[in-house]
Each structure stands twice: as structure tokens, then as C-alpha cells.
């Protein structure tokens, strides 16, 4: 899935940054700096968020 509309992409990116900080994977200051860069990209119409999605299907084997 690709998102280019900042209305939808920026909140998703914000949630991802918040979770990374909560998991202590990144410092809050680094996350905010990264988000500021994403906001800047959005104002320049250069924001693209790609999210891979997987779908699995199967059938129950007969015995």
C-alpha cells in the first residue's frame, strides 16, 4: 500500500514514531526530528509512505 496524501500518511507516521519511542527503540528527540522531516516533505509534495501488506489463505485438510 502506498500513501501520498499527508492527511492519512502523517498520522500513521506519528503513531509509528510514538511506538518506537515507547519501545525505547529511538530517542524522543530523534523521532521528533524524523517527523519534522516527514512534515517538510509533505509540504513539498514529496511524502510517500509504503507499507507492505500480506494476505494468507488456506483450506483445512481433509482426513
Protein backbone atom coordinates (compact mmCIF):
# COMPACT_ATOMS: atom_id res chain seq x y z
CA UNK A 1 0.00 0.00 0.00
CA UNK A 2 1.30 3.46 -0.86
CA UNK A 3 0.09 6.61 0.84
CA UNK A 4 0.89 10.01 -0.61
CA UNK A 5 -1.87 12.09 1.00
CA UNK A 6 -0.42 13.74 4.13
CA UNK A 7 -3.90 13.74 5.70
CA UNK A 8 -3.60 9.98 6.06
CA UNK A 9 0.15 9.35 5.99
CA UNK A 10 1.31 11.79 8.68
CA UNK A 11 -0.90 10.36 11.46
CA UNK A 12 0.33 6.86 10.62
CA UNK A 13 3.95 8.03 10.70
CA UNK A 14 3.29 9.80 14.01
CA UNK A 15 1.85 6.64 15.53
CA UNK A 16 4.85 4.64 14.33
CA UNK A 17 7.25 7.17 15.86
CA UNK A 18 5.35 7.18 19.17
CA UNK A 19 5.51 3.39 19.37
CA UNK A 20 9.23 3.37 18.57
CA UNK A 21 9.85 5.83 21.40
CA UNK A 22 7.63 3.84 23.79
CA UNK A 23 9.61 0.69 22.94
CA UNK A 24 12.82 2.62 23.60
CA UNK A 25 13.97 1.83 20.05
CA UNK A 26 14.71 5.52 19.38
CA UNK A 27 15.12 8.67 21.45
CA UNK A 28 12.15 11.04 21.51
CA UNK A 29 14.29 13.84 20.05
CA UNK A 30 15.29 11.65 17.10
CA UNK A 31 11.68 10.68 16.48
CA UNK A 32 10.57 14.31 16.52
CA UNK A 33 13.38 15.30 14.15
CA UNK A 34 12.35 12.49 11.80
CA UNK A 35 8.68 13.53 11.97
CA UNK A 36 9.62 17.14 11.25
CA UNK A 37 11.42 15.94 8.13
CA UNK A 38 8.33 14.00 7.04
CA UNK A 39 6.16 17.08 7.57
CA UNK A 40 8.60 19.11 5.48
CA UNK A 41 8.43 16.51 2.73
CA UNK A 42 4.63 16.70 2.85
CA UNK A 43 4.68 20.47 2.32
CA UNK A 44 6.95 19.91 -0.71
CA UNK A 45 4.62 17.19 -2.07
CA UNK A 46 7.41 14.63 -1.63
CA UNK A 47 5.87 12.38 1.04
CA UNK A 48 5.40 8.71 0.21
CA UNK A 49 4.60 6.06 2.81
CA UNK A 50 4.91 2.47 1.63
CA UNK A 51 3.53 -0.31 3.80
CA UNK A 52 3.84 -3.94 2.69
CA UNK A 53 0.72 -5.98 3.28
CA UNK A 54 0.42 -9.74 3.24
CA UNK A 55 -2.66 -11.89 2.89
CA UNK A 56 -2.72 -15.58 3.55
CA UNK A 57 -5.45 -18.07 2.72
CA UNK A 58 -5.77 -21.76 3.21
CA UNK A 59 -8.09 -24.69 3.50
CA UNK A 60 -8.47 -27.24 6.23
CA UNK A 61 -7.07 -30.57 5.08
CA UNK A 62 -9.50 -33.44 4.93
CA UNK A 63 -8.60 -36.53 6.90
